[in-house]
Amino acid sequence: MATQEKPSVVENVNQTENVAPLDQKDDAKAEVIQLQAALEHSRLGGYVPQTPDEKRRHRSLNAKFDLFVLPFCVLIYLLNGLDRSNLGNAQTDGFTTDLGMPASAVNTATSLFFCTYVPLQPVSAAIGKRIGQARWIAVISLGWGILTLSHAFIKTEAQLIAIRLLIGVFEAGFYPTCVSFLSTFYPRYDLAFRIALFYGSYAIAGAFGGLIAYGCFHIDGSLHGWQYLFIIEGTITIALSIVTPFWLAIGPGKAWFLKPAEQEYAEQRMYIDAKANRDSTYKLSKKDVFEGFIDWKLWAVLPFNILASVAPQGFTIFFPLVVKGLGYQGATANLMTVPPYVLGTITLLAFAYSSDHFRERTYHILGGLLIVIIGLIIVIVLPLENIHGRYGGLVVLLAGTFISAPITVAWLSQNTPDPGKRTMILGINGWGNLGGIIGSELFLAKYGPDYRYPLKVTVGLMAVSWVGYACYNLELRAMNRYKAKKIRGMTPDEIYEETERTDKRYSDRKWTFVYGL
């Protein structure tokens, strides 16, 4: 029996830009030099189609996932975003006044929502990985849909707080579970734009939320306008959750809309992209949980992700109140929130597409944070009487608000090749939503109508986050250089063994794995 040759180390581990695959007859020393160059200079790694036929199959497969998987996830997240913003919209229609509550009840309920939502994210994501992510998405969306509808029958502040705490339990796992689910369908440099489309539905929910609220508040019926708002949004979520387990495939190799040959190719390209054990695609091990919690690159970026999340989490809930503070009243205040969210979604998609196209993450995140800072400064320095100027500043602010979060998720996902560990990391990264607690405690009614104090604090937080992301890039560069130094002292056989091992150096900790920048 002939001995099977070992595949090219670079071809087997990381396909990289400007680093052509080596022929198996090439000199082993050149192979080591090639891998070292990839570690020192490349921003890439992962699966990159090479031949025209492979590129055609790659595009065709992505198109089918874009048609059958992504839109459904987008629609569910849109409803999730509507639930998150409807409390602020309801408040503009006299929600707390009608129920005899203090205005601060909305802030209190929002803060307590994050008390269950944030810590339970990795737990819920782990459950989803265990029982099946498509099924878990159906269960949790049904739960928060029922609770959203129940807002219409609230009588006391205690009931409001209880419902928001329970919604936090159900919503906790949705974002990390759904992003982890999508990351099993798309290779790393096709992922950021898809996550942006997914996350963009959360941004556009602000626009739709304003339009839906405007319509609900004009319904002539026996209920308050805000009651119709909760009933309509909750009912739609419940209906969609019932369809979910029958529509979403459990993975690319089991997608009901693919032919057998396409299913095989879908699994193979993700195997090349991740270089992980195939069994880990649908399972979660104790090692995955442990490795996720001790992952250095997660904890190095999480504090700055939390700070960057203050703007999107805080403004999604309280933006209608800030706009109302400019002088727009009632339903008009809700309507005026639409243009900024539309622009924010367009900007997010443009940045994410560029990030995938140029295969770069850091500068796109820094650019988005800079836009937020500029918008905040405009709103702060202009007098309250300059309504149109301050509104323009809010439009600029929202244009950059939603950029950092989805690109950070894509960045962490691409730098975590093992699907099980990736699920845990994305779940823990969900703690970035702690920014929502900060935001809910910043934008208090007592700081209205100009809200200058919370806006100034937000500027400082965005600036610290900007510096933190820049330093994170330098850390990854340093780690790639360190790995290149290790590779320099290894033989081709040792390098090959390194790519196959799963014991001491696991997943991205292997010397042969290139961190994307």
Protein backbone atom coordinates (compact mmCIF):
# COMPACT_ATOMS: atom_id res chain seq x y z
CA MET A 1 0.00 0.00 0.00
CA ALA A 2 1.38 3.38 -0.97
CA THR A 3 2.08 5.84 1.82
CA GLN A 4 -0.22 8.85 1.66
CA GLU A 5 1.66 12.11 1.40
CA LYS A 6 1.04 14.80 3.98
CA PRO A 7 -0.80 17.77 2.54
CA SER A 8 0.92 21.11 2.28
CA VAL A 9 1.01 22.68 5.74
CA VAL A 10 -0.13 26.08 4.54
CA GLU A 11 -2.77 24.65 2.24
CA ASN A 12 -4.04 22.46 5.08
CA VAL A 13 -4.10 25.14 7.76
CA ASN A 14 -4.51 28.65 6.45
CA GLN A 15 -5.11 29.83 2.91
CA THR A 16 -3.70 33.34 2.90
CA GLU A 17 -3.62 36.40 0.68
CA ASN A 18 -0.51 36.85 -1.47
CA VAL A 19 0.75 33.43 -0.34
CA ALA A 20 0.25 30.90 -3.12
CA PRO A 21 -0.31 27.21 -2.24
CA LEU A 22 2.81 25.10 -2.47
CA ASP A 23 3.16 22.08 -4.75
CA GLN A 24 3.73 18.90 -2.75
CA LYS A 25 7.15 18.57 -4.39
CA ASP A 26 8.31 21.96 -3.17
CA ASP A 27 11.14 22.15 -0.74
CA ALA A 28 10.12 21.68 2.92
CA LYS A 29 12.17 24.69 3.95
CA ALA A 30 10.22 26.89 1.56
CA GLU A 31 7.03 25.58 3.14
CA VAL A 32 8.18 26.70 6.57
CA ILE A 33 9.14 30.12 5.20
CA GLN A 34 5.75 30.43 3.54
CA LEU A 35 3.84 29.68 6.74
CA GLN A 36 6.07 32.08 8.67
CA ALA A 37 5.31 34.81 6.13
CA ALA A 38 1.61 34.12 6.53
CA LEU A 39 1.84 34.48 10.29
CA GLU A 40 3.85 37.69 10.11
CA HIS A 41 2.01 39.54 7.35
CA SER A 42 -1.36 38.00 6.53
CA ARG A 43 -4.72 39.31 7.67
CA LEU A 44 -6.43 36.23 6.36
CA GLY A 45 -6.54 32.51 7.00
CA GLY A 46 -9.49 30.21 6.51
CA TYR A 47 -11.28 29.08 3.37
CA VAL A 48 -10.69 31.03 0.14
CA PRO A 49 -11.99 29.47 -3.12
CA GLN A 50 -9.20 29.10 -5.68
CA THR A 51 -10.43 27.80 -9.07
CA PRO A 52 -13.17 29.42 -11.20
CA ASP A 53 -15.41 26.38 -10.68
CA GLU A 54 -14.86 26.48 -6.92
CA LYS A 55 -15.64 30.20 -6.84
CA ARG A 56 -18.86 29.57 -8.78
CA ARG A 57 -19.95 26.82 -6.36
CA HIS A 58 -18.99 29.06 -3.43
CA ARG A 59 -21.14 31.94 -4.69
CA SER A 60 -24.05 29.62 -5.50
CA LEU A 61 -24.00 28.09 -2.03
CA ASN A 62 -23.83 31.48 -0.32
CA ALA A 63 -26.76 32.65 -2.45
CA LYS A 64 -28.91 29.75 -1.23
CA PHE A 65 -28.02 30.41 2.39
CA ASP A 66 -28.75 34.10 1.79
CA LEU A 67 -32.19 33.12 0.52
CA PHE A 68 -33.27 30.38 2.94
CA VAL A 69 -31.34 30.92 6.19
CA LEU A 70 -30.27 34.53 6.64
CA PRO A 71 -33.61 36.32 5.95
CA PHE A 72 -35.42 34.18 8.52
CA CYS A 73 -32.81 34.98 11.18
CA VAL A 74 -32.99 38.66 10.20
CA LEU A 75 -36.76 38.68 10.62
CA ILE A 76 -36.59 37.14 14.09
CA TYR A 77 -33.94 39.65 15.19
CA LEU A 78 -36.03 42.48 13.78
CA LEU A 79 -38.83 41.42 16.10
CA ASN A 80 -36.31 41.14 18.94
CA GLY A 81 -35.22 44.71 18.28
CA LEU A 82 -38.83 45.88 18.20
CA ASP A 83 -39.36 44.37 21.64
CA ARG A 84 -36.27 46.16 22.93
CA SER A 85 -37.35 49.57 21.61
CA ASN A 86 -41.10 49.38 22.22
CA LEU A 87 -40.83 50.40 25.88
CA GLY A 88 -39.29 53.74 24.91
CA ASN A 89 -41.92 54.20 22.19
CA ALA A 90 -44.72 53.32 24.61
CA GLN A 91 -43.44 55.93 27.04
CA THR A 92 -43.97 58.68 24.44
CA ASP A 93 -47.66 57.66 24.43
CA GLY A 94 -48.03 58.06 28.19
CA PHE A 95 -47.31 54.47 29.25
CA THR A 96 -46.25 55.25 32.83
CA THR A 97 -48.76 58.10 33.16
CA ASP A 98 -51.69 55.86 32.24
CA LEU A 99 -50.58 53.27 34.80
CA GLY A 100 -49.80 55.77 37.55
CA MET A 101 -46.10 54.92 37.62
CA PRO A 102 -43.16 57.32 37.95
CA ALA A 103 -41.29 58.00 34.69
CA SER A 104 -38.21 56.38 36.25
CA ALA A 105 -40.01 53.01 36.16
CA VAL A 106 -38.90 52.59 32.53
CA ASN A 107 -35.25 53.14 33.51
CA THR A 108 -35.53 50.73 36.44
CA ALA A 109 -37.20 48.02 34.36
CA THR A 110 -34.61 48.42 31.60
CA SER A 111 -31.68 48.15 34.00
CA LEU A 112 -33.13 45.04 35.64
CA PHE A 113 -33.78 43.49 32.22
CA PHE A 114 -30.02 43.44 31.67
CA CYS A 115 -29.52 41.77 35.07
CA THR A 116 -30.91 38.54 33.62
CA TYR A 117 -30.13 39.18 29.96
CA VAL A 118 -26.37 39.67 30.29
CA PRO A 119 -25.20 36.90 32.69
CA LEU A 120 -27.39 34.24 31.07
CA GLN A 121 -26.06 34.73 27.54
CA PRO A 122 -23.29 32.07 27.66
CA VAL A 123 -25.60 29.70 29.58
CA SER A 124 -28.37 30.03 27.02
CA ALA A 125 -25.92 29.76 24.11
CA ALA A 126 -24.53 26.54 25.62
CA ILE A 127 -28.04 25.09 25.95
CA GLY A 128 -28.68 25.94 22.30
CA LYS A 129 -25.51 24.13 21.27
CA ARG A 130 -26.56 21.08 23.28
CA ILE A 131 -30.17 20.69 22.14
CA GLY A 132 -29.87 22.19 18.65
CA GLN A 133 -29.61 25.88 17.85
CA ALA A 134 -32.58 26.00 15.46
CA ARG A 135 -34.87 24.41 18.05
CA TRP A 136 -33.59 26.67 20.82
CA ILE A 137 -34.18 29.80 18.73
CA ALA A 138 -37.81 28.69 18.34
CA VAL A 139 -38.25 28.10 22.08
CA ILE A 140 -36.78 31.39 23.28
CA SER A 141 -38.52 33.51 20.62
CA LEU A 142 -41.86 31.95 21.61
CA GLY A 143 -41.11 32.86 25.23
CA TRP A 144 -40.29 36.51 24.65
CA GLY A 145 -43.20 36.83 22.19
CA ILE A 146 -45.70 35.77 24.87
CA LEU A 147 -44.09 38.12 27.39
CA THR A 148 -44.09 41.04 24.93
CA LEU A 149 -47.82 40.58 24.41
CA SER A 150 -48.38 40.47 28.18
CA HIS A 151 -47.11 44.08 28.51
CA ALA A 152 -50.54 45.16 27.31
CA PHE A 153 -52.10 43.92 30.56
CA ILE A 154 -49.61 45.36 33.05
CA LYS A 155 -51.13 47.22 36.02
CA THR A 156 -48.21 47.89 38.40
CA GLU A 157 -44.51 48.70 38.32
CA ALA A 158 -43.75 45.35 39.99
CA GLN A 159 -45.45 43.52 37.12
CA LEU A 160 -43.45 45.55 34.59
CA ILE A 161 -40.18 44.66 36.33
CA ALA A 162 -41.12 40.97 36.58
CA ILE A 163 -41.95 40.77 32.87
CA ARG A 164 -38.74 42.56 31.83
CA LEU A 165 -36.68 40.20 34.01
CA LEU A 166 -38.33 37.19 32.35
CA ILE A 167 -37.86 38.65 28.87
CA GLY A 168 -34.17 38.98 29.71
CA VAL A 169 -34.08 35.24 30.46
CA PHE A 170 -35.54 34.32 27.08
CA GLU A 171 -33.75 36.92 24.96
CA ALA A 172 -30.35 36.24 26.55
CA GLY A 173 -29.32 33.43 24.25
CA PHE A 174 -30.78 34.62 20.98
CA TYR A 175 -27.99 36.81 19.61
CA PRO A 176 -25.01 34.53 20.44
CA THR A 177 -26.95 31.42 19.44
CA CYS A 178 -28.05 32.88 16.12
CA VAL A 179 -24.61 34.30 15.27
CA SER A 180 -22.97 30.98 16.16
CA PHE A 181 -25.61 29.26 14.01
CA LEU A 182 -24.83 31.51 11.03
CA SER A 183 -21.08 30.99 11.51
CA THR A 184 -21.57 27.28 10.73
CA PHE A 185 -22.93 28.19 7.28
CA TYR A 186 -20.55 30.95 6.10
CA PRO A 187 -16.71 30.95 5.96
CA ARG A 188 -15.04 33.69 7.97
CA TYR A 189 -14.65 36.32 5.24
CA ASP A 190 -18.21 35.92 4.04
CA LEU A 191 -19.50 36.29 7.59
CA ALA A 192 -19.17 39.95 8.63
CA PHE A 193 -21.52 41.25 5.94
CA ARG A 194 -24.09 38.59 6.84
CA ILE A 195 -23.80 39.39 10.54
CA ALA A 196 -24.21 43.06 9.60
CA LEU A 197 -27.40 42.23 7.67
CA PHE A 198 -28.53 40.27 10.71
CA TYR A 199 -27.53 42.97 13.19
CA GLY A 200 -28.85 45.64 10.84
CA SER A 201 -32.34 44.31 11.45
CA TYR A 202 -31.85 45.38 15.08
CA ALA A 203 -30.92 48.84 13.86
CA ILE A 204 -33.79 49.04 11.39
CA ALA A 205 -36.10 47.89 14.19
CA GLY A 206 -35.65 51.41 15.54
CA ALA A 207 -37.09 52.77 12.30
CA PHE A 208 -39.86 50.18 12.05
CA GLY A 209 -40.57 50.59 15.74
CA GLY A 210 -41.17 54.28 15.22
CA LEU A 211 -43.45 53.66 12.24
CA ILE A 212 -45.40 50.87 13.96
CA ALA A 213 -45.75 52.97 17.10
CA TYR A 214 -46.96 55.92 15.02
CA GLY A 215 -49.65 53.70 13.49
CA CYS A 216 -50.65 52.03 16.76
CA PHE A 217 -50.98 55.36 18.55
CA HIS A 218 -53.54 56.44 15.93
CA ILE A 219 -55.78 53.38 16.29
CA ASP A 220 -59.24 54.46 17.45
CA GLY A 221 -60.24 51.70 19.85
CA SER A 222 -61.02 50.83 23.44
CA LEU A 223 -57.36 50.33 24.39
CA HIS A 224 -54.47 52.73 24.76
CA GLY A 225 -52.16 53.08 21.76
CA TRP A 226 -49.27 51.50 23.64
CA GLN A 227 -51.43 48.44 24.39
CA TYR A 228 -52.05 47.88 20.69
CA LEU A 229 -48.30 48.22 20.15
CA PHE A 230 -47.43 45.38 22.54
CA ILE A 231 -50.28 43.13 21.33
CA ILE A 232 -49.39 43.44 17.65
CA GLU A 233 -45.63 42.96 18.09
CA GLY A 234 -46.04 40.06 20.52
CA THR A 235 -48.50 38.21 18.28
CA ILE A 236 -46.23 38.44 15.23
CA THR A 237 -43.27 37.07 17.24
CA ILE A 238 -45.32 34.12 18.51
CA ALA A 239 -46.47 33.23 14.98
CA LEU A 240 -42.92 33.31 13.60
CA SER A 241 -41.51 31.22 16.46
CA ILE A 242 -43.93 28.39 15.62
CA VAL A 243 -42.58 28.22 12.05
CA THR A 244 -38.89 28.40 13.07
CA PRO A 245 -38.06 24.72 13.84
CA PHE A 246 -39.62 23.61 10.57
CA TRP A 247 -37.73 26.16 8.45
CA LEU A 248 -34.21 26.46 9.86
CA ALA A 249 -31.79 23.63 9.04
CA ILE A 250 -29.62 22.32 11.90
CA GLY A 251 -26.46 22.80 9.81
CA PRO A 252 -25.12 23.26 6.26
CA GLY A 253 -24.72 19.52 5.70
CA LYS A 254 -28.36 18.89 6.60
CA ALA A 255 -30.01 21.84 4.84
CA TRP A 256 -33.29 20.68 3.28
CA PHE A 257 -32.93 23.05 0.31
CA LEU A 258 -29.50 21.71 -0.83
CA LYS A 259 -28.73 18.77 -3.10
CA PRO A 260 -26.50 16.00 -1.65
CA ALA A 261 -23.43 17.25 -3.54
CA GLU A 262 -24.05 20.78 -2.26
CA GLN A 263 -24.45 19.52 1.30
CA GLU A 264 -21.09 17.74 1.07
CA TYR A 265 -19.36 20.83 -0.34
CA ALA A 266 -21.00 23.03 2.32
CA GLU A 267 -19.53 20.89 5.10
CA GLN A 268 -16.13 20.55 3.42
CA ARG A 269 -15.54 24.28 3.01
CA MET A 270 -16.45 24.91 6.65
CA TYR A 271 -14.07 22.13 7.71
CA ILE A 272 -11.27 23.80 5.75
CA ASP A 273 -12.21 27.21 7.14
CA ALA A 274 -12.27 26.05 10.76
CA LYS A 275 -9.73 23.21 10.74
CA ALA A 276 -11.70 21.69 13.61
CA ASN A 277 -12.89 18.23 14.53
CA ARG A 278 -16.06 17.55 12.53
CA ASP A 279 -17.84 16.22 15.63
CA SER A 280 -17.51 19.60 17.35
CA THR A 281 -19.77 21.20 14.75
CA TYR A 282 -22.91 19.88 16.45
CA LYS A 283 -21.63 19.18 19.96
CA LEU A 284 -20.37 21.11 22.96
CA SER A 285 -17.68 19.59 25.17
CA LYS A 286 -16.46 20.51 28.64
CA LYS A 287 -13.20 21.52 26.99
CA ASP A 288 -15.09 24.00 24.79
CA VAL A 289 -16.65 25.60 27.88
CA PHE A 290 -13.33 25.79 29.74
CA GLU A 291 -11.39 27.10 26.74
CA GLY A 292 -14.07 29.71 26.07
CA PHE A 293 -13.89 31.12 29.60
CA ILE A 294 -10.07 31.36 29.67
CA ASP A 295 -9.65 32.73 26.13
CA TRP A 296 -7.26 35.70 26.31
CA LYS A 297 -8.38 37.40 23.11
CA LEU A 298 -11.98 37.54 24.36
CA TRP A 299 -11.14 39.19 27.68
CA ALA A 300 -8.71 41.57 25.97
CA VAL A 301 -11.48 43.08 23.83
CA LEU A 302 -14.62 42.60 25.99
CA PRO A 303 -14.17 45.74 28.18
CA PHE A 304 -13.97 47.95 25.10
CA ASN A 305 -16.92 46.16 23.50
CA ILE A 306 -18.94 46.96 26.63
CA LEU A 307 -18.05 50.65 26.38
CA ALA A 308 -18.81 50.74 22.64
CA SER A 309 -22.21 49.14 23.35
CA VAL A 310 -23.38 52.03 25.54
CA ALA A 311 -24.46 53.99 22.46
CA PRO A 312 -26.48 51.32 20.58
CA GLN A 313 -27.99 49.77 23.72
CA GLY A 314 -28.83 53.08 25.38
CA PHE A 315 -30.06 54.94 22.32
CA THR A 316 -32.22 52.09 21.04
CA ILE A 317 -34.38 52.40 24.15
CA PHE A 318 -34.19 56.11 24.93
CA PHE A 319 -33.68 57.69 21.50
CA PRO A 320 -37.40 58.57 21.16
CA LEU A 321 -37.18 60.44 24.47
CA VAL A 322 -34.04 62.31 23.38
CA VAL A 323 -35.74 63.32 20.11
CA LYS A 324 -38.79 64.41 22.08
CA GLY A 325 -36.49 66.59 24.16
CA LEU A 326 -35.57 68.50 21.00
CA GLY A 327 -39.14 69.74 20.73
CA TYR A 328 -40.87 67.04 18.68
CA GLN A 329 -44.03 65.86 20.38
CA GLY A 330 -45.99 62.59 20.74
CA ALA A 331 -46.23 60.38 17.69
CA THR A 332 -44.12 62.85 15.69
CA ALA A 333 -41.20 62.14 18.02
CA ASN A 334 -41.48 58.45 17.10
CA LEU A 335 -41.68 59.29 13.40
CA MET A 336 -38.54 61.45 13.60
CA THR A 337 -36.53 58.46 14.86
CA VAL A 338 -36.93 56.69 11.51
CA PRO A 339 -34.36 58.51 9.27
CA PRO A 340 -31.40 58.12 11.68
CA TYR A 341 -31.99 54.38 12.00
CA VAL A 342 -32.29 53.95 8.24
CA LEU A 343 -28.99 55.78 7.71
CA GLY A 344 -27.41 53.78 10.55
CA THR A 345 -28.38 50.53 8.84
CA ILE A 346 -27.03 51.65 5.46
CA THR A 347 -23.73 52.74 7.01
CA LEU A 348 -23.43 49.47 8.93
CA LEU A 349 -23.90 47.39 5.77
CA ALA A 350 -21.38 49.51 3.86
CA PHE A 351 -18.73 49.14 6.59
CA ALA A 352 -19.35 45.40 6.96
CA TYR A 353 -19.16 44.80 3.21
CA SER A 354 -15.91 46.75 3.08
CA SER A 355 -14.57 44.81 6.07
CA ASP A 356 -15.20 41.48 4.32
CA HIS A 357 -13.95 42.74 0.96
CA PHE A 358 -10.66 44.08 2.31
CA ARG A 359 -10.48 41.34 4.96
CA GLU A 360 -9.78 43.82 7.73
CA ARG A 361 -11.61 44.50 11.01
CA THR A 362 -9.77 47.02 13.20
CA TYR A 363 -9.88 50.17 11.08
CA HIS A 364 -13.53 49.65 10.25
CA ILE A 365 -14.43 49.47 13.95
CA LEU A 366 -12.30 52.53 14.72
CA GLY A 367 -13.98 54.43 11.87
CA GLY A 368 -17.43 53.61 13.22
CA LEU A 369 -16.54 54.74 16.74
CA LEU A 370 -15.10 57.98 15.36
CA ILE A 371 -18.40 58.73 13.61
CA VAL A 372 -20.23 58.23 16.92
CA ILE A 373 -17.85 60.59 18.72
CA ILE A 374 -18.29 63.29 16.05
CA GLY A 375 -22.09 63.01 16.25
CA LEU A 376 -22.05 63.23 20.04
CA ILE A 377 -19.86 66.34 19.99
CA ILE A 378 -22.24 68.04 17.53
CA VAL A 379 -25.24 67.37 19.78
CA ILE A 380 -23.37 68.54 22.88
CA VAL A 381 -21.96 71.84 21.57
CA LEU A 382 -25.08 73.09 19.78
CA PRO A 383 -27.66 74.98 21.89
CA LEU A 384 -31.01 73.35 22.60
CA GLU A 385 -32.73 76.01 20.48
CA ASN A 386 -30.90 74.73 17.37
CA ILE A 387 -33.32 71.84 16.92
CA HIS A 388 -32.39 70.94 13.35
CA GLY A 389 -28.64 71.11 14.04
CA ARG A 390 -28.88 68.85 17.09
CA TYR A 391 -31.14 66.47 15.19
CA GLY A 392 -28.47 66.37 12.46
CA GLY A 393 -25.92 65.46 15.13
CA LEU A 394 -28.14 62.58 16.24
CA VAL A 395 -28.33 61.38 12.64
CA VAL A 396 -24.51 61.37 12.43
CA LEU A 397 -24.30 59.61 15.79
CA LEU A 398 -26.69 56.83 14.72
CA ALA A 399 -24.76 56.44 11.44
CA GLY A 400 -21.83 54.98 13.38
CA THR A 401 -23.56 53.49 16.42
CA PHE A 402 -24.21 49.99 15.08
CA ILE A 403 -20.87 49.32 13.34
CA SER A 404 -18.57 48.02 16.08
CA ALA A 405 -20.71 45.23 17.59
CA PRO A 406 -21.29 42.98 14.53
CA ILE A 407 -17.75 43.42 13.20
CA THR A 408 -16.39 42.54 16.66
CA VAL A 409 -18.51 39.38 16.61
CA ALA A 410 -17.24 38.46 13.13
CA TRP A 411 -13.68 39.18 14.31
CA LEU A 412 -13.95 36.90 17.34
CA SER A 413 -15.70 34.25 15.26
CA GLN A 414 -13.01 34.15 12.57
CA ASN A 415 -10.28 33.98 15.22
CA THR A 416 -11.96 31.02 16.96
CA PRO A 417 -11.94 28.13 14.47
CA ASP A 418 -13.52 25.48 16.70
CA PRO A 419 -17.35 25.75 16.60
CA GLY A 420 -17.87 24.60 20.20
CA LYS A 421 -15.41 27.06 21.70
CA ARG A 422 -16.77 29.73 19.33
CA THR A 423 -20.27 29.26 20.76
CA MET A 424 -19.02 29.90 24.29
CA ILE A 425 -16.93 32.91 23.27
CA LEU A 426 -19.83 34.54 21.43
CA GLY A 427 -22.04 33.87 24.45
CA ILE A 428 -19.58 35.48 26.86
CA ASN A 429 -19.03 38.33 24.42
CA GLY A 430 -22.73 39.00 24.85
CA TRP A 431 -21.76 40.52 28.18
CA GLY A 432 -20.97 43.53 26.03
CA ASN A 433 -24.65 44.29 26.55
CA LEU A 434 -23.68 45.49 30.02
CA GLY A 435 -23.43 48.75 28.13
CA GLY A 436 -27.21 48.73 28.21
CA ILE A 437 -27.20 49.02 32.00
CA ILE A 438 -24.86 52.00 31.75
CA GLY A 439 -27.04 53.57 29.07
CA SER A 440 -30.28 53.05 30.96
CA GLU A 441 -28.85 54.72 34.07
CA LEU A 442 -27.33 57.59 32.08
CA PHE A 443 -30.35 58.79 30.10
CA LEU A 444 -32.57 59.69 33.04
CA ALA A 445 -35.50 62.09 32.72
CA LYS A 446 -33.81 64.54 35.11
CA TYR A 447 -31.10 65.21 32.48
CA GLY A 448 -33.67 66.23 29.88
CA PRO A 449 -34.45 67.96 27.69
CA ASP A 450 -30.87 68.48 26.44
CA TYR A 451 -29.31 65.31 27.99
CA ARG A 452 -25.89 66.96 27.86
CA TYR A 453 -24.46 65.15 30.87
CA PRO A 454 -25.15 61.60 29.60
CA LEU A 455 -23.98 62.61 26.13
CA LYS A 456 -20.67 63.91 27.54
CA VAL A 457 -20.13 60.71 29.51
CA THR A 458 -20.86 58.69 26.37
CA VAL A 459 -18.20 60.64 24.44
CA GLY A 460 -15.61 59.70 27.06
CA LEU A 461 -16.62 56.03 26.98
CA MET A 462 -16.43 55.95 23.16
CA ALA A 463 -12.95 57.52 23.25
CA VAL A 464 -11.66 54.91 25.71
CA SER A 465 -13.16 52.17 23.55
CA TRP A 466 -11.44 53.60 20.44
CA VAL A 467 -8.04 53.45 22.14
CA GLY A 468 -8.77 49.95 23.45
CA TYR A 469 -9.60 48.53 20.02
CA ALA A 470 -6.43 50.07 18.58
CA CYS A 471 -4.36 48.38 21.32
CA TYR A 472 -6.16 45.08 20.71
CA ASN A 473 -4.97 45.14 17.12
CA LEU A 474 -1.39 45.57 18.32
CA GLU A 475 -1.80 42.60 20.69
CA LEU A 476 -2.93 40.33 17.85
CA ARG A 477 -0.05 41.51 15.65
CA ALA A 478 2.40 40.74 18.46
CA MET A 479 0.91 37.26 18.92
CA ASN A 480 1.23 36.52 15.18
CA ARG A 481 4.88 37.59 15.29
CA TYR A 482 5.45 35.34 18.32
CA LYS A 483 3.87 32.40 16.50
CA ALA A 484 6.07 33.08 13.47
CA LYS A 485 9.11 32.94 15.73
CA LYS A 486 7.97 29.56 17.05
CA ILE A 487 7.43 28.24 13.52
CA ARG A 488 10.93 29.36 12.56
CA GLY A 489 12.40 26.81 14.96
CA MET A 490 10.18 23.90 13.88
CA THR A 491 10.70 21.23 11.22
CA PRO A 492 8.03 20.55 8.56
CA ASP A 493 7.05 17.34 10.39
CA GLU A 494 6.64 19.23 13.66
CA ILE A 495 4.53 21.85 11.90
CA TYR A 496 2.29 19.18 10.41
CA GLU A 497 1.85 17.53 13.82
CA GLU A 498 1.01 20.94 15.29
CA THR A 499 -1.86 21.38 12.83
CA GLU A 500 -3.37 18.03 13.80
CA ARG A 501 -3.01 18.12 17.59
CA THR A 502 -5.94 18.89 19.88
CA ASP A 503 -4.34 18.40 23.29
CA LYS A 504 -1.94 21.05 24.60
CA ARG A 505 -2.57 23.82 22.09
CA TYR A 506 -6.20 23.83 21.06
CA SER A 507 -8.05 25.74 18.37
CA ASP A 508 -6.55 29.21 17.76
CA ARG A 509 -3.74 28.64 20.28
CA LYS A 510 -1.90 26.44 17.78
CA TRP A 511 1.30 28.01 16.49
CA THR A 512 0.02 27.49 12.95
CA PHE A 513 -3.16 29.56 13.36
CA VAL A 514 -3.09 33.11 11.96
CA TYR A 515 -5.11 35.75 13.85
CA GLY A 516 -7.08 38.04 11.56
CA LEU A 517 -6.61 41.76 12.10
